[in-house]
Amino acid sequence: MNMWITAAFILGLLWMGLWIFWAVRYRKRTADQMELLLNRLDEVLSGKEQQVSWDESMDSAIGERLNRLLWAFQADNARARQEKEGVKSLLSDISHQVRTPLSNILLYAGLLREREGTEEEKKMAEKIQSQAEKLDFFMKELIRSSYLETDMIAVKPEPASVEKLIDRVCQGAEVLAMEKSIAFDINVSQGQAVFDMKWTQEALGNILDNAIKYSPSGSTVSLSSREFDSFVAVEIRDQGMGIPEKELGMIFTRFYRSPRVAQTKGLGIGLYLAREILQKQGGYIKVDSVPGQGSGFSVFLPKRGFGR
């Protein structure tokens, strides 16, 4: 009797051991299959186009449906990329085709205002120029918005002259400064940093435009640079209205505009765009301000390539 009990006990242990072995093996196989599935899904989501091949133990119906899902996702992804490229090309064409005749309209309106003529003719020329300036402003804001919506900010940083950058930025804001009789006080070193010239010019141009826009007529905007171990800092300082401390953390928010400047043209895109451009190439912005005395924006450009 004891022999049968012992045999039954041993058989029970063997059966339990086999059950545990197969359960662990099945669980490991399932975990491996799930890990394979997750890895392949991660690869597809990251943009790597491929066909997923499944282990024979994977249920064929699940594998087939997941493959169809991945194919559909890849097709939608490719179509979205093509549409984005099309939008980029269209925006570039619109910018080029519209800005040139608009610049000519502004030029000719200015010439008409300077010519001798009747008061009525001068008023008409002023109206043409005023409306053209509004159109020019909204075109610039539309293009800035499109940079963000279509992910057009593709920076290519390379060693370049900070002095040349500041010179180009000042040239771009020269007309706006002349309209308000604002002078530039420039004290820039001949150092180099690593940045994308075109996009960094856009970023600094946005900051300088704001400095001019929110400064009183006849004031001065200073531009200077300082070199540190890893960065070159470009500072743009104005004598404008300043920014309250509670708003300093909000001015880089997309579409944020202070209630104090509601009557001034703007959409609240410039500083947000400037920060995005600088972050993409390893730079950053710091700001200090005293209400009623002015603001200083320091743009830090890396001396070495981002990520190196």
Protein backbone atom coordinates (compact mmCIF):
# COMPACT_ATOMS: atom_id res chain seq x y z
CA MET A 1 0.00 0.00 0.00
CA ASN A 2 2.79 2.38 0.92
CA MET A 3 4.49 1.53 -2.38
CA TRP A 4 1.43 2.65 -4.36
CA ILE A 5 1.16 5.85 -2.35
CA THR A 6 4.85 6.58 -2.93
CA ALA A 7 4.51 5.85 -6.67
CA ALA A 8 1.44 8.08 -6.92
CA PHE A 9 3.28 10.84 -5.07
CA ILE A 10 6.27 10.57 -7.40
CA LEU A 11 4.00 10.59 -10.47
CA GLY A 12 2.23 13.63 -9.09
CA LEU A 13 5.53 15.41 -8.61
CA LEU A 14 6.61 14.49 -12.15
CA TRP A 15 3.29 15.69 -13.58
CA MET A 16 3.53 18.94 -11.63
CA GLY A 17 7.14 19.41 -12.75
CA LEU A 18 6.18 18.86 -16.40
CA TRP A 19 3.26 21.26 -16.02
CA ILE A 20 5.51 23.92 -14.49
CA PHE A 21 8.13 23.34 -17.22
CA TRP A 22 5.60 23.75 -20.04
CA ALA A 23 3.97 26.75 -18.33
CA VAL A 24 7.33 28.50 -17.95
CA ARG A 25 8.28 27.62 -21.53
CA TYR A 26 4.94 28.83 -22.89
CA ARG A 27 5.20 32.01 -20.87
CA LYS A 28 8.75 32.63 -22.12
CA ARG A 29 7.69 32.00 -25.73
CA THR A 30 4.76 34.37 -25.33
CA ALA A 31 7.00 36.99 -23.73
CA ASP A 32 9.53 36.62 -26.58
CA GLN A 33 6.77 37.00 -29.16
CA MET A 34 5.37 40.05 -27.41
CA GLU A 35 8.86 41.57 -27.16
CA LEU A 36 9.34 40.95 -30.90
CA LEU A 37 5.99 42.56 -31.61
CA LEU A 38 6.76 45.61 -29.47
CA ASN A 39 10.22 46.03 -31.01
CA ARG A 40 8.83 45.87 -34.53
CA LEU A 41 6.04 48.31 -33.67
CA ASP A 42 8.60 50.72 -32.18
CA GLU A 43 10.67 50.47 -35.36
CA VAL A 44 7.66 51.19 -37.55
CA LEU A 45 6.55 54.10 -35.36
CA SER A 46 10.05 55.56 -35.63
CA GLY A 47 9.70 55.59 -39.42
CA LYS A 48 11.50 52.38 -40.42
CA GLU A 49 9.42 50.79 -43.15
CA GLN A 50 9.43 47.00 -43.10
CA GLN A 51 7.32 43.87 -43.27
CA VAL A 52 6.97 42.01 -40.01
CA SER A 53 7.67 38.24 -40.18
CA TRP A 54 6.15 36.20 -37.41
CA ASP A 55 7.29 33.05 -35.67
CA GLU A 56 5.32 29.99 -36.75
CA SER A 57 3.93 29.67 -33.27
CA MET A 58 2.32 33.09 -33.58
CA ASP A 59 -1.29 32.79 -34.55
CA SER A 60 -1.39 33.44 -38.30
CA ALA A 61 -4.63 35.44 -38.17
CA ILE A 62 -3.19 37.87 -35.62
CA GLY A 63 0.04 38.16 -37.57
CA GLU A 64 -1.78 38.82 -40.84
CA ARG A 65 -3.98 41.51 -39.34
CA LEU A 66 -1.07 43.20 -37.61
CA ASN A 67 0.84 43.22 -40.89
CA ARG A 68 -2.11 44.89 -42.60
CA LEU A 69 -2.26 47.45 -39.80
CA LEU A 70 1.46 48.20 -40.15
CA TRP A 71 1.22 48.47 -43.94
CA ALA A 72 -1.67 50.94 -43.59
CA PHE A 73 0.29 52.95 -41.03
CA GLN A 74 3.37 53.04 -43.27
CA ALA A 75 1.28 54.12 -46.28
CA ASP A 76 -0.35 56.93 -44.26
CA ASN A 77 3.07 57.98 -42.98
CA ALA A 78 4.52 58.14 -46.48
CA ARG A 79 1.51 60.10 -47.73
CA ALA A 80 1.78 62.56 -44.82
CA ARG A 81 5.47 63.12 -45.58
CA GLN A 82 4.69 63.79 -49.24
CA GLU A 83 1.93 66.24 -48.31
CA LYS A 84 4.25 68.01 -45.85
CA GLU A 85 6.91 68.39 -48.54
CA GLY A 86 4.24 69.72 -50.89
CA VAL A 87 3.13 72.31 -48.33
CA LYS A 88 6.75 73.37 -47.74
CA SER A 89 7.28 73.84 -51.47
CA LEU A 90 3.99 75.74 -51.83
CA LEU A 91 4.80 78.08 -48.93
CA SER A 92 8.23 78.75 -50.37
CA ASP A 93 6.69 79.61 -53.76
CA ILE A 94 4.01 81.83 -52.19
CA SER A 95 6.62 83.65 -50.11
CA HIS A 96 8.80 84.32 -53.14
CA GLN A 97 5.95 85.20 -55.53
CA VAL A 98 4.16 87.55 -53.10
CA ARG A 99 7.02 89.24 -51.26
CA THR A 100 8.73 90.56 -54.41
CA PRO A 101 5.73 92.47 -55.85
CA LEU A 102 4.78 93.59 -52.35
CA SER A 103 8.24 95.08 -51.86
CA ASN A 104 7.85 96.87 -55.19
CA ILE A 105 4.48 98.30 -54.13
CA LEU A 106 6.04 99.65 -50.93
CA LEU A 107 8.93 101.13 -52.90
CA TYR A 108 6.72 102.83 -55.51
CA ALA A 109 4.31 104.12 -52.85
CA GLY A 110 7.25 105.71 -51.04
CA LEU A 111 8.46 107.31 -54.27
CA LEU A 112 4.98 108.68 -54.99
CA ARG A 113 4.86 110.28 -51.55
CA GLU A 114 8.15 112.07 -52.22
CA ARG A 115 7.10 113.44 -55.60
CA GLU A 116 5.58 116.86 -55.98
CA GLY A 117 1.84 116.60 -56.40
CA THR A 118 -1.50 117.54 -54.94
CA GLU A 119 -2.42 116.81 -51.35
CA GLU A 120 -4.98 114.29 -52.60
CA GLU A 121 -2.31 112.38 -54.52
CA LYS A 122 -0.04 112.30 -51.47
CA LYS A 123 -2.88 111.02 -49.27
CA MET A 124 -3.64 108.27 -51.78
CA ALA A 125 0.05 107.28 -51.84
CA GLU A 126 0.09 107.17 -48.02
CA LYS A 127 -2.99 104.92 -48.00
CA ILE A 128 -1.40 102.58 -50.55
CA GLN A 129 1.76 102.37 -48.46
CA SER A 130 -0.18 101.84 -45.24
CA GLN A 131 -2.23 98.98 -46.68
CA ALA A 132 0.84 97.42 -48.29
CA GLU A 133 2.65 97.53 -44.94
CA LYS A 134 -0.29 95.75 -43.28
CA LEU A 135 -0.25 93.09 -45.98
CA ASP A 136 3.52 92.71 -45.59
CA PHE A 137 3.13 92.28 -41.83
CA PHE A 138 0.47 89.58 -42.14
CA MET A 139 2.47 87.77 -44.81
CA LYS A 140 5.47 87.62 -42.48
CA GLU A 141 3.31 86.33 -39.60
CA LEU A 142 1.67 83.75 -41.87
CA ILE A 143 5.07 82.46 -42.96
CA ARG A 144 6.28 82.33 -39.35
CA SER A 145 3.19 80.33 -38.36
CA SER A 146 3.74 77.94 -41.25
CA TYR A 147 7.27 77.18 -40.01
CA LEU A 148 5.74 75.70 -36.86
CA GLU A 149 2.74 73.94 -38.43
CA THR A 150 4.74 72.17 -41.15
CA ASP A 151 7.88 71.41 -39.14
CA MET A 152 9.97 73.46 -41.56
CA ILE A 153 12.68 74.31 -39.04
CA ALA A 154 15.52 72.08 -40.26
CA VAL A 155 18.73 73.62 -38.96
CA LYS A 156 22.19 72.81 -40.31
CA PRO A 157 24.65 74.31 -37.80
CA GLU A 158 28.18 75.05 -38.97
CA PRO A 159 31.00 77.35 -37.79
CA ALA A 160 30.14 80.93 -38.72
CA SER A 161 30.98 84.52 -37.79
CA VAL A 162 28.90 86.07 -35.01
CA GLU A 163 29.81 89.52 -36.32
CA LYS A 164 28.42 88.64 -39.76
CA LEU A 165 25.24 87.30 -38.15
CA ILE A 166 24.65 90.54 -36.21
CA ASP A 167 25.37 92.62 -39.30
CA ARG A 168 22.70 90.75 -41.28
CA VAL A 169 20.19 90.98 -38.44
CA CYS A 170 20.68 94.75 -38.17
CA GLN A 171 20.35 95.20 -41.93
CA GLY A 172 17.04 93.34 -41.83
CA ALA A 173 15.66 95.66 -39.13
CA GLU A 174 17.15 98.88 -40.51
CA VAL A 175 13.96 100.21 -42.12
CA LEU A 176 11.85 99.53 -39.02
CA ALA A 177 14.42 101.29 -36.83
CA MET A 178 14.59 104.32 -39.15
CA GLU A 179 10.82 104.74 -38.99
CA LYS A 180 11.10 105.25 -35.21
CA SER A 181 14.47 107.05 -35.29
CA ILE A 182 16.00 104.25 -33.22
CA ALA A 183 19.79 103.92 -33.28
CA PHE A 184 21.81 100.71 -32.99
CA ASP A 185 24.79 100.64 -30.61
CA ILE A 186 26.83 97.64 -31.80
CA ASN A 187 29.75 96.17 -29.86
CA VAL A 188 30.34 92.67 -31.23
CA SER A 189 33.52 90.59 -31.14
CA GLN A 190 34.89 88.75 -34.17
CA GLY A 191 34.41 85.33 -32.59
CA GLN A 192 32.77 82.28 -34.13
CA ALA A 193 30.04 79.91 -33.01
CA VAL A 194 28.29 76.89 -34.51
CA PHE A 195 24.83 77.77 -35.82
CA ASP A 196 22.58 77.82 -38.87
CA MET A 197 23.00 81.30 -40.36
CA LYS A 198 19.56 81.60 -41.97
CA TRP A 199 17.49 80.28 -39.06
CA THR A 200 19.53 82.02 -36.36
CA GLN A 201 19.12 85.26 -38.29
CA GLU A 202 15.36 84.64 -38.14
CA ALA A 203 15.53 84.05 -34.36
CA LEU A 204 17.61 87.14 -33.57
CA GLY A 205 15.59 89.17 -36.07
CA ASN A 206 12.41 88.37 -34.14
CA ILE A 207 14.01 89.56 -30.89
CA LEU A 208 15.38 92.73 -32.48
CA ASP A 209 12.02 93.50 -34.12
CA ASN A 210 10.36 93.30 -30.69
CA ALA A 211 13.04 95.54 -29.17
CA ILE A 212 12.31 98.18 -31.80
CA LYS A 213 8.55 97.71 -31.74
CA TYR A 214 8.21 98.16 -27.97
CA SER A 215 10.80 100.96 -27.55
CA PRO A 216 10.04 104.69 -27.66
CA SER A 217 11.02 106.69 -30.73
CA GLY A 218 14.51 108.17 -30.58
CA SER A 219 15.84 105.55 -28.17
CA THR A 220 18.79 103.18 -28.59
CA VAL A 221 18.96 99.41 -28.97
CA SER A 222 22.35 97.91 -28.12
CA LEU A 223 23.75 94.68 -29.53
CA SER A 224 26.83 93.11 -27.97
CA SER A 225 28.54 89.74 -27.65
CA ARG A 226 30.57 87.91 -25.00
CA GLU A 227 32.54 84.70 -25.23
CA PHE A 228 32.38 81.91 -22.65
CA ASP A 229 34.03 78.48 -22.57
CA SER A 230 31.25 76.70 -24.44
CA PHE A 231 29.04 79.49 -25.76
CA VAL A 232 29.03 82.89 -27.42
CA ALA A 233 26.32 85.11 -25.94
CA VAL A 234 24.66 87.77 -28.10
CA GLU A 235 22.73 90.35 -26.08
CA ILE A 236 20.01 92.61 -27.48
CA ARG A 237 19.04 95.31 -24.97
CA ASP A 238 16.40 97.99 -25.43
CA GLN A 239 15.11 101.02 -23.52
CA GLY A 240 11.48 100.06 -23.85
CA MET A 241 8.55 99.45 -21.53
CA GLY A 242 10.06 96.36 -19.92
CA ILE A 243 8.34 93.12 -18.92
CA PRO A 244 6.72 92.49 -15.50
CA GLU A 245 8.32 89.63 -13.57
CA LYS A 246 5.10 87.58 -13.60
CA GLU A 247 5.11 87.59 -17.42
CA LEU A 248 8.75 86.56 -17.91
CA GLY A 249 7.82 82.88 -17.84
CA MET A 250 5.03 83.33 -20.38
CA ILE A 251 6.57 85.44 -23.15
CA PHE A 252 8.00 82.37 -24.92
CA THR A 253 4.61 80.66 -24.96
CA ARG A 254 3.10 80.29 -28.38
CA PHE A 255 0.59 83.06 -29.21
CA TYR A 256 1.09 84.77 -25.85
CA ARG A 257 0.71 88.55 -25.91
CA SER A 258 0.72 90.83 -22.90
CA PRO A 259 -2.49 92.83 -22.37
CA ARG A 260 -0.26 95.93 -22.23
CA VAL A 261 0.63 95.58 -25.94
CA ALA A 262 -2.79 94.60 -27.26
CA GLN A 263 -2.87 97.69 -29.51
CA THR A 264 0.46 96.83 -31.15
CA LYS A 265 0.52 94.57 -34.21
CA GLY A 266 1.60 91.01 -33.50
CA LEU A 267 0.47 87.40 -33.11
CA GLY A 268 2.76 86.22 -30.30
CA ILE A 269 4.84 83.90 -32.49
CA GLY A 270 8.25 85.58 -32.72
CA LEU A 271 9.79 84.67 -29.35
CA TYR A 272 8.35 81.16 -29.39
CA LEU A 273 9.85 80.59 -32.83
CA ALA A 274 13.19 82.06 -31.72
CA ARG A 275 13.42 79.65 -28.79
CA GLU A 276 12.50 76.66 -30.98
CA ILE A 277 15.20 77.55 -33.51
CA LEU A 278 17.89 77.95 -30.85
CA GLN A 279 16.98 74.76 -28.98
CA LYS A 280 17.25 72.75 -32.19
CA GLN A 281 20.92 73.70 -32.46
CA GLY A 282 21.91 73.45 -28.81
CA GLY A 283 21.41 77.11 -27.86
CA TYR A 284 19.09 78.90 -25.48
CA ILE A 285 17.74 82.34 -24.47
CA LYS A 286 17.83 84.22 -21.16
CA VAL A 287 15.92 87.40 -20.45
CA ASP A 288 16.11 90.08 -17.77
CA SER A 289 13.83 93.08 -17.58
CA VAL A 290 12.86 96.04 -15.43
CA PRO A 291 9.43 97.57 -16.14
CA GLY A 292 9.85 101.11 -17.42
CA GLN A 293 13.58 100.69 -18.07
CA GLY A 294 13.86 98.07 -20.78
CA SER A 295 14.68 94.42 -21.45
CA GLY A 296 17.75 92.40 -22.33
CA PHE A 297 17.62 89.14 -24.29
CA SER A 298 20.79 87.04 -24.24
CA VAL A 299 21.06 84.40 -26.96
CA PHE A 300 23.62 81.66 -26.27
CA LEU A 301 25.14 79.99 -29.34
CA PRO A 302 27.31 76.88 -28.86
CA LYS A 303 30.97 76.99 -29.87
CA ARG A 304 30.88 73.30 -30.77
CA GLY A 305 28.36 71.29 -32.74
CA PHE A 306 25.21 70.21 -30.89
CA GLY A 307 25.51 66.62 -29.66
CA ARG A 308 29.28 66.33 -30.21
